[in-house]
Amino acid sequence: QVQLAESGGGLVQAGESLKLSCLASGKTWTIGGMAWYRQTPGKERELVARITRGGVPREFGDFVKGRFTLRRDNTQTTVDLQMNNLTPEDTAVYSCSAQAQGLAYWGQGTQVTVST
């Protein structure tokens, strides 16, 4: 099995930056692609960014518009999401996901709140 733990969420003002980290543990050698998603109450979960096993970012949500970057460190099996120029519309619970042996694993999520 794989366990995921997110960190780095918090409260920031519009225009500021945050870096979220996802640390994988357990059978990390089985992990393929990883991704960050976000969800706000009453809305469906949406993809923020996806990255391949080899560390190549593959897909970003339309709302990202070049503001976010994704980096993967397979030595420690972490995926960092650097978010810049945040807006109140980015307020959500951000969750890390990993694909491993045909299964999808999720972390608990971390709250990001952006004030005006």
C-alpha atoms as a PDB file:
ATOM      1  CA  GLN A   1       0.000   0.000   0.000  1.00  0.00           C
ATOM      2  CA  VAL A   2       0.890   3.652  -0.364  1.00  0.00           C
ATOM      3  CA  GLN A   3       0.309   6.470   2.074  1.00  0.00           C
ATOM      4  CA  LEU A   4       0.282  10.130   1.132  1.00  0.00           C
ATOM      5  CA  ALA A   5       0.701  13.113   3.428  1.00  0.00           C
ATOM      6  CA  GLU A   6       0.212  16.689   2.299  1.00  0.00           C
ATOM      7  CA  SER A   7       1.669  19.745   3.967  1.00  0.00           C
ATOM      8  CA  GLY A   8       2.099  23.444   3.316  1.00  0.00           C
ATOM      9  CA  GLY A   9      -1.453  24.717   3.279  1.00  0.00           C
ATOM     10  CA  GLY A  10      -2.491  27.837   5.103  1.00  0.00           C
ATOM     11  CA  LEU A  11      -3.908  31.331   4.890  1.00  0.00           C
ATOM     12  CA  VAL A  12      -2.360  33.847   2.518  1.00  0.00           C
ATOM     13  CA  GLN A  13      -3.369  37.094   0.915  1.00  0.00           C
ATOM     14  CA  ALA A  14      -4.191  37.500  -2.752  1.00  0.00           C
ATOM     15  CA  GLY A  15      -1.066  37.761  -4.841  1.00  0.00           C
ATOM     16  CA  GLU A  16       1.065  35.730  -2.442  1.00  0.00           C
ATOM     17  CA  SER A  17       2.563  32.281  -2.930  1.00  0.00           C
ATOM     18  CA  LEU A  18       2.385  28.897  -1.232  1.00  0.00           C
ATOM     19  CA  LYS A  19       4.196  25.633  -1.742  1.00  0.00           C
ATOM     20  CA  LEU A  20       2.360  22.405  -1.074  1.00  0.00           C
ATOM     21  CA  SER A  21       4.257  19.175  -0.570  1.00  0.00           C
ATOM     22  CA  CYS A  22       3.090  15.592  -0.866  1.00  0.00           C
ATOM     23  CA  LEU A  23       5.210  12.910   0.752  1.00  0.00           C
ATOM     24  CA  ALA A  24       4.614   9.300  -0.196  1.00  0.00           C
ATOM     25  CA  SER A  25       5.468   6.344   2.015  1.00  0.00           C
ATOM     26  CA  GLY A  26       4.935   2.597   1.948  1.00  0.00           C
ATOM     27  CA  LYS A  27       5.449   0.815  -1.373  1.00  0.00           C
ATOM     28  CA  THR A  28       6.723   3.929  -3.108  1.00  0.00           C
ATOM     29  CA  TRP A  29       8.491   1.943  -5.830  1.00  0.00           C
ATOM     30  CA  THR A  30       5.084   0.968  -7.192  1.00  0.00           C
ATOM     31  CA  ILE A  31       3.931   4.560  -7.705  1.00  0.00           C
ATOM     32  CA  GLY A  32       3.436   5.755 -11.251  1.00  0.00           C
ATOM     33  CA  GLY A  33       1.846   9.101 -11.955  1.00  0.00           C
ATOM     34  CA  MET A  34       0.979  11.558  -9.208  1.00  0.00           C
ATOM     35  CA  ALA A  35      -1.302  14.547  -9.168  1.00  0.00           C
ATOM     36  CA  TRP A  36      -2.765  17.377  -7.144  1.00  0.00           C
ATOM     37  CA  TYR A  37      -6.506  17.989  -7.057  1.00  0.00           C
ATOM     38  CA  ARG A  38      -8.610  20.575  -5.283  1.00  0.00           C
ATOM     39  CA  GLN A  39     -12.174  20.814  -4.093  1.00  0.00           C
ATOM     40  CA  THR A  40     -14.422  23.479  -2.639  1.00  0.00           C
ATOM     41  CA  PRO A  41     -17.785  22.809  -0.924  1.00  0.00           C
ATOM     42  CA  GLY A  42     -20.551  22.218  -3.435  1.00  0.00           C
ATOM     43  CA  LYS A  43     -18.173  21.762  -6.343  1.00  0.00           C
ATOM     44  CA  GLU A  44     -16.678  18.717  -7.977  1.00  0.00           C
ATOM     45  CA  ARG A  45     -13.052  17.915  -7.399  1.00  0.00           C
ATOM     46  CA  GLU A  46     -10.888  19.311 -10.172  1.00  0.00           C
ATOM     47  CA  LEU A  47      -7.407  18.507 -11.388  1.00  0.00           C
ATOM     48  CA  VAL A  48      -4.734  21.039 -10.519  1.00  0.00           C
ATOM     49  CA  ALA A  49      -1.710  19.357 -12.067  1.00  0.00           C
ATOM     50  CA  ARG A  50      -0.418  15.927 -13.003  1.00  0.00           C
ATOM     51  CA  ILE A  51       3.112  14.597 -13.245  1.00  0.00           C
ATOM     52  CA  THR A  52       4.550  11.390 -14.652  1.00  0.00           C
ATOM     53  CA  ARG A  53       6.608   8.800 -12.842  1.00  0.00           C
ATOM     54  CA  GLY A  54       9.669  10.283 -14.497  1.00  0.00           C
ATOM     55  CA  GLY A  55       8.921  13.775 -13.212  1.00  0.00           C
ATOM     56  CA  VAL A  56       7.482  15.340 -16.358  1.00  0.00           C
ATOM     57  CA  PRO A  57       4.486  17.623 -15.729  1.00  0.00           C
ATOM     58  CA  ARG A  58       1.747  16.496 -18.103  1.00  0.00           C
ATOM     59  CA  GLU A  59      -1.398  18.432 -17.455  1.00  0.00           C
ATOM     60  CA  PHE A  60      -2.559  21.544 -15.632  1.00  0.00           C
ATOM     61  CA  GLY A  61      -6.055  22.762 -14.906  1.00  0.00           C
ATOM     62  CA  ASP A  62      -7.233  25.601 -17.156  1.00  0.00           C
ATOM     63  CA  PHE A  63      -7.382  27.917 -14.170  1.00  0.00           C
ATOM     64  CA  VAL A  64      -3.659  27.549 -13.500  1.00  0.00           C
ATOM     65  CA  LYS A  65      -2.684  29.875 -16.371  1.00  0.00           C
ATOM     66  CA  GLY A  66       1.038  29.499 -15.781  1.00  0.00           C
ATOM     67  CA  ARG A  67       0.903  30.398 -12.096  1.00  0.00           C
ATOM     68  CA  PHE A  68       1.709  26.955 -10.687  1.00  0.00           C
ATOM     69  CA  THR A  69       4.660  24.629 -11.162  1.00  0.00           C
ATOM     70  CA  LEU A  70       5.029  20.986 -10.264  1.00  0.00           C
ATOM     71  CA  ARG A  71       8.167  19.157  -9.292  1.00  0.00           C
ATOM     72  CA  ARG A  72       8.761  15.541  -8.343  1.00  0.00           C
ATOM     73  CA  ASP A  73      11.653  14.103  -6.388  1.00  0.00           C
ATOM     74  CA  ASN A  74      11.736  10.346  -6.765  1.00  0.00           C
ATOM     75  CA  THR A  75      14.553  10.017  -4.265  1.00  0.00           C
ATOM     76  CA  GLN A  76      12.203  11.004  -1.484  1.00  0.00           C
ATOM     77  CA  THR A  77       9.013  10.420  -3.464  1.00  0.00           C
ATOM     78  CA  THR A  78       7.692  13.895  -2.976  1.00  0.00           C
ATOM     79  CA  VAL A  79       5.696  16.080  -5.282  1.00  0.00           C
ATOM     80  CA  ASP A  80       5.771  19.809  -4.674  1.00  0.00           C
ATOM     81  CA  LEU A  81       3.187  22.210  -6.034  1.00  0.00           C
ATOM     82  CA  GLN A  82       4.435  25.778  -6.137  1.00  0.00           C
ATOM     83  CA  MET A  83       1.522  28.184  -6.390  1.00  0.00           C
ATOM     84  CA  ASN A  84       2.150  31.823  -7.225  1.00  0.00           C
ATOM     85  CA  ASN A  85      -0.081  34.857  -7.592  1.00  0.00           C
ATOM     86  CA  LEU A  86      -2.898  33.197  -5.671  1.00  0.00           C
ATOM     87  CA  THR A  87      -6.421  34.557  -5.840  1.00  0.00           C
ATOM     88  CA  PRO A  88      -9.441  34.001  -3.566  1.00  0.00           C
ATOM     89  CA  GLU A  89     -10.779  31.631  -6.250  1.00  0.00           C
ATOM     90  CA  ASP A  90      -7.897  29.287  -5.405  1.00  0.00           C
ATOM     91  CA  THR A  91      -9.323  28.718  -1.932  1.00  0.00           C
ATOM     92  CA  ALA A  92      -9.935  24.980  -1.602  1.00  0.00           C
ATOM     93  CA  VAL A  93      -8.810  21.750  -0.018  1.00  0.00           C
ATOM     94  CA  TYR A  94      -5.855  20.487  -2.035  1.00  0.00           C
ATOM     95  CA  SER A  95      -5.266  16.745  -2.132  1.00  0.00           C
ATOM     96  CA  CYS A  96      -2.449  14.620  -3.468  1.00  0.00           C
ATOM     97  CA  SER A  97      -3.128  11.471  -5.463  1.00  0.00           C
ATOM     98  CA  ALA A  98      -0.927   8.621  -6.631  1.00  0.00           C
ATOM     99  CA  GLN A  99      -1.476   5.733  -9.007  1.00  0.00           C
ATOM    100  CA  ALA A 100       0.070   2.465  -7.881  1.00  0.00           C
ATOM    101  CA  GLN A 101      -0.566  -1.039  -9.192  1.00  0.00           C
ATOM    102  CA  GLY A 102      -3.909  -0.124 -10.665  1.00  0.00           C
ATOM    103  CA  LEU A 103      -5.163   1.675  -7.588  1.00  0.00           C
ATOM    104  CA  ALA A 104      -5.567   5.343  -6.755  1.00  0.00           C
ATOM    105  CA  TYR A 105      -4.375   6.542  -3.381  1.00  0.00           C
ATOM    106  CA  TRP A 106      -5.292   9.842  -1.744  1.00  0.00           C
ATOM    107  CA  GLY A 107      -3.967  11.968   1.031  1.00  0.00           C
ATOM    108  CA  GLN A 108      -6.100  13.689   3.656  1.00  0.00           C
ATOM    109  CA  GLY A 109      -5.843  17.055   1.986  1.00  0.00           C
ATOM    110  CA  THR A 110      -4.592  20.443   3.103  1.00  0.00           C
ATOM    111  CA  GLN A 111      -6.622  23.639   3.272  1.00  0.00           C
ATOM    112  CA  VAL A 112      -5.542  26.649   1.258  1.00  0.00           C
ATOM    113  CA  THR A 113      -7.333  29.893   1.973  1.00  0.00           C
ATOM    114  CA  VAL A 114      -6.640  33.061   0.018  1.00  0.00           C
ATOM    115  CA  SER A 115      -8.015  36.309   1.399  1.00  0.00           C
ATOM    116  CA  THR A 116      -8.611  39.541  -0.482  1.00  0.00           C
END
